[in-house]
């Protein structure tokens, strides 16, 4: 029997961020691609989860407020080697909409198995 001290369920952006904070954690996910309808929402139960569907869109206003409150989160966002947060457009109407982009590339950040150490 194998004992796991720290486990993360799912493989989306939240699981990815947690795995970076706790590198010895095990990420538990399914290899099946199942779409589950919950009320009026759809949940992709597959590797990368909904992050790989919606492209990790970010509310920049809420993100900046949270970064002011949580110094560890702010440090992770600013120093991670995988993604950066970019504005979606220069249009003022959408000034609070951003997305996760691969570091130094103009591509949406997608969760891949290689992003996780275990």
C-alpha atoms as a PDB file:
ATOM      1  CA  UNK A   1       0.000   0.000   0.000  1.00  0.00           C
ATOM      2  CA  UNK A   2       1.269   3.454  -0.921  1.00  0.00           C
ATOM      3  CA  UNK A   3       0.669   6.360   1.450  1.00  0.00           C
ATOM      4  CA  UNK A   4       0.052   9.798  -0.072  1.00  0.00           C
ATOM      5  CA  UNK A   5       0.568  12.710   2.325  1.00  0.00           C
ATOM      6  CA  UNK A   6      -0.761  15.423   0.023  1.00  0.00           C
ATOM      7  CA  UNK A   7      -3.132  14.953  -2.919  1.00  0.00           C
ATOM      8  CA  UNK A   8      -4.706  17.382  -5.373  1.00  0.00           C
ATOM      9  CA  UNK A   9      -7.880  16.284  -7.118  1.00  0.00           C
ATOM     10  CA  UNK A  10      -8.182  17.564 -10.681  1.00  0.00           C
ATOM     11  CA  UNK A  11      -5.672  18.830 -13.202  1.00  0.00           C
ATOM     12  CA  UNK A  12      -6.741  22.362 -14.113  1.00  0.00           C
ATOM     13  CA  UNK A  13      -5.047  25.663 -13.313  1.00  0.00           C
ATOM     14  CA  UNK A  14      -5.837  25.456  -9.572  1.00  0.00           C
ATOM     15  CA  UNK A  15      -4.286  21.999  -9.324  1.00  0.00           C
ATOM     16  CA  UNK A  16      -1.286  23.201 -11.317  1.00  0.00           C
ATOM     17  CA  UNK A  17      -0.731  26.183  -8.990  1.00  0.00           C
ATOM     18  CA  UNK A  18      -1.069  23.933  -5.923  1.00  0.00           C
ATOM     19  CA  UNK A  19       1.397  21.422  -7.358  1.00  0.00           C
ATOM     20  CA  UNK A  20       3.950  24.217  -7.764  1.00  0.00           C
ATOM     21  CA  UNK A  21       3.455  25.320  -4.153  1.00  0.00           C
ATOM     22  CA  UNK A  22       3.635  21.723  -2.866  1.00  0.00           C
ATOM     23  CA  UNK A  23       5.851  19.840  -5.336  1.00  0.00           C
ATOM     24  CA  UNK A  24       5.597  16.537  -3.432  1.00  0.00           C
ATOM     25  CA  UNK A  25       1.813  16.451  -3.862  1.00  0.00           C
ATOM     26  CA  UNK A  26       0.233  13.822  -6.066  1.00  0.00           C
ATOM     27  CA  UNK A  27      -2.234  15.057  -8.691  1.00  0.00           C
ATOM     28  CA  UNK A  28      -5.215  12.742  -9.097  1.00  0.00           C
ATOM     29  CA  UNK A  29      -7.136  12.903 -12.382  1.00  0.00           C
ATOM     30  CA  UNK A  30      -8.805  10.711 -14.966  1.00  0.00           C
ATOM     31  CA  UNK A  31      -7.559   9.965 -18.482  1.00  0.00           C
ATOM     32  CA  UNK A  32     -11.133   9.714 -19.737  1.00  0.00           C
ATOM     33  CA  UNK A  33     -12.750  12.674 -21.492  1.00  0.00           C
ATOM     34  CA  UNK A  34     -16.196  13.070 -19.992  1.00  0.00           C
ATOM     35  CA  UNK A  35     -18.348  16.185 -20.179  1.00  0.00           C
ATOM     36  CA  UNK A  36     -20.649  16.485 -17.184  1.00  0.00           C
ATOM     37  CA  UNK A  37     -23.587  18.879 -17.097  1.00  0.00           C
ATOM     38  CA  UNK A  38     -24.120  20.499 -13.697  1.00  0.00           C
ATOM     39  CA  UNK A  39     -27.179  22.724 -13.647  1.00  0.00           C
ATOM     40  CA  UNK A  40     -26.537  25.167 -16.525  1.00  0.00           C
ATOM     41  CA  UNK A  41     -22.776  24.593 -16.635  1.00  0.00           C
ATOM     42  CA  UNK A  42     -20.609  21.987 -18.303  1.00  0.00           C
ATOM     43  CA  UNK A  43     -17.574  20.455 -16.625  1.00  0.00           C
ATOM     44  CA  UNK A  44     -14.830  18.779 -18.659  1.00  0.00           C
ATOM     45  CA  UNK A  45     -13.599  15.834 -16.640  1.00  0.00           C
ATOM     46  CA  UNK A  46     -10.315  15.271 -18.512  1.00  0.00           C
ATOM     47  CA  UNK A  47      -6.680  16.229 -18.143  1.00  0.00           C
ATOM     48  CA  UNK A  48      -6.383  20.026 -17.907  1.00  0.00           C
ATOM     49  CA  UNK A  49     -10.055  20.358 -17.019  1.00  0.00           C
ATOM     50  CA  UNK A  50     -11.985  23.450 -18.021  1.00  0.00           C
ATOM     51  CA  UNK A  51      -8.769  25.495 -18.183  1.00  0.00           C
ATOM     52  CA  UNK A  52      -7.950  23.833 -21.495  1.00  0.00           C
ATOM     53  CA  UNK A  53     -11.433  24.714 -22.775  1.00  0.00           C
ATOM     54  CA  UNK A  54     -11.817  28.348 -21.774  1.00  0.00           C
ATOM     55  CA  UNK A  55      -8.169  29.337 -22.143  1.00  0.00           C
ATOM     56  CA  UNK A  56      -7.704  30.482 -18.552  1.00  0.00           C
ATOM     57  CA  UNK A  57      -9.429  33.845 -18.874  1.00  0.00           C
ATOM     58  CA  UNK A  58      -8.772  36.094 -15.890  1.00  0.00           C
ATOM     59  CA  UNK A  59     -10.644  39.020 -14.328  1.00  0.00           C
ATOM     60  CA  UNK A  60      -7.705  41.427 -13.988  1.00  0.00           C
ATOM     61  CA  UNK A  61      -9.516  43.687 -11.519  1.00  0.00           C
ATOM     62  CA  UNK A  62     -10.197  40.794  -9.106  1.00  0.00           C
ATOM     63  CA  UNK A  63      -6.730  39.325  -9.691  1.00  0.00           C
ATOM     64  CA  UNK A  64      -5.007  42.590  -8.751  1.00  0.00           C
ATOM     65  CA  UNK A  65      -7.155  42.935  -5.605  1.00  0.00           C
ATOM     66  CA  UNK A  66      -6.250  39.390  -4.570  1.00  0.00           C
ATOM     67  CA  UNK A  67      -2.538  39.943  -5.264  1.00  0.00           C
ATOM     68  CA  UNK A  68      -2.607  42.896  -2.865  1.00  0.00           C
ATOM     69  CA  UNK A  69      -4.053  40.679  -0.119  1.00  0.00           C
ATOM     70  CA  UNK A  70      -1.961  37.553  -0.658  1.00  0.00           C
ATOM     71  CA  UNK A  71       1.808  38.034  -1.020  1.00  0.00           C
ATOM     72  CA  UNK A  72       2.537  34.325  -1.678  1.00  0.00           C
ATOM     73  CA  UNK A  73       0.015  34.269  -4.527  1.00  0.00           C
ATOM     74  CA  UNK A  74       1.466  37.482  -5.965  1.00  0.00           C
ATOM     75  CA  UNK A  75       4.986  36.002  -5.847  1.00  0.00           C
ATOM     76  CA  UNK A  76       3.815  32.811  -7.580  1.00  0.00           C
ATOM     77  CA  UNK A  77       2.064  34.749 -10.376  1.00  0.00           C
ATOM     78  CA  UNK A  78       5.092  36.965 -10.935  1.00  0.00           C
ATOM     79  CA  UNK A  79       7.853  34.308 -10.724  1.00  0.00           C
ATOM     80  CA  UNK A  80       6.361  31.121 -12.218  1.00  0.00           C
ATOM     81  CA  UNK A  81       8.206  29.889 -15.297  1.00  0.00           C
ATOM     82  CA  UNK A  82       5.164  28.594 -17.188  1.00  0.00           C
ATOM     83  CA  UNK A  83       2.724  31.436 -17.872  1.00  0.00           C
ATOM     84  CA  UNK A  84       2.190  35.168 -17.764  1.00  0.00           C
ATOM     85  CA  UNK A  85      -1.011  37.160 -17.607  1.00  0.00           C
ATOM     86  CA  UNK A  86      -1.758  39.400 -20.576  1.00  0.00           C
ATOM     87  CA  UNK A  87      -4.571  41.795 -21.385  1.00  0.00           C
ATOM     88  CA  UNK A  88      -7.032  40.402 -23.896  1.00  0.00           C
ATOM     89  CA  UNK A  89      -7.356  43.678 -25.802  1.00  0.00           C
ATOM     90  CA  UNK A  90      -6.559  47.374 -25.592  1.00  0.00           C
ATOM     91  CA  UNK A  91     -10.273  48.169 -25.938  1.00  0.00           C
ATOM     92  CA  UNK A  92     -11.348  50.025 -22.760  1.00  0.00           C
ATOM     93  CA  UNK A  93     -14.642  48.143 -22.657  1.00  0.00           C
ATOM     94  CA  UNK A  94     -12.702  44.944 -21.840  1.00  0.00           C
ATOM     95  CA  UNK A  95      -9.904  46.468 -19.742  1.00  0.00           C
ATOM     96  CA  UNK A  96     -10.426  43.953 -16.900  1.00  0.00           C
ATOM     97  CA  UNK A  97     -10.239  40.840 -19.116  1.00  0.00           C
ATOM     98  CA  UNK A  98      -6.958  38.975 -19.319  1.00  0.00           C
ATOM     99  CA  UNK A  99      -5.767  35.487 -20.139  1.00  0.00           C
ATOM    100  CA  UNK A 100      -2.919  33.142 -19.310  1.00  0.00           C
ATOM    101  CA  UNK A 101      -0.301  33.030 -22.036  1.00  0.00           C
ATOM    102  CA  UNK A 102       2.679  30.714 -22.322  1.00  0.00           C
ATOM    103  CA  UNK A 103       5.774  32.454 -21.036  1.00  0.00           C
ATOM    104  CA  UNK A 104       7.493  34.404 -23.849  1.00  0.00           C
ATOM    105  CA  UNK A 105       5.052  33.099 -26.480  1.00  0.00           C
ATOM    106  CA  UNK A 106       1.845  34.463 -27.889  1.00  0.00           C
ATOM    107  CA  UNK A 107      -0.093  31.239 -27.264  1.00  0.00           C
ATOM    108  CA  UNK A 108      -2.798  30.371 -24.759  1.00  0.00           C
ATOM    109  CA  UNK A 109      -1.458  28.498 -21.758  1.00  0.00           C
ATOM    110  CA  UNK A 110      -2.715  24.920 -21.840  1.00  0.00           C
ATOM    111  CA  UNK A 111      -2.201  22.434 -19.030  1.00  0.00           C
ATOM    112  CA  UNK A 112       0.013  19.538 -20.132  1.00  0.00           C
ATOM    113  CA  UNK A 113       1.164  16.487 -18.209  1.00  0.00           C
ATOM    114  CA  UNK A 114       4.728  17.761 -18.547  1.00  0.00           C
ATOM    115  CA  UNK A 115       3.823  20.795 -16.392  1.00  0.00           C
ATOM    116  CA  UNK A 116       3.423  18.494 -13.388  1.00  0.00           C
ATOM    117  CA  UNK A 117       6.463  16.853 -11.821  1.00  0.00           C
ATOM    118  CA  UNK A 118       4.618  13.707 -10.753  1.00  0.00           C
END
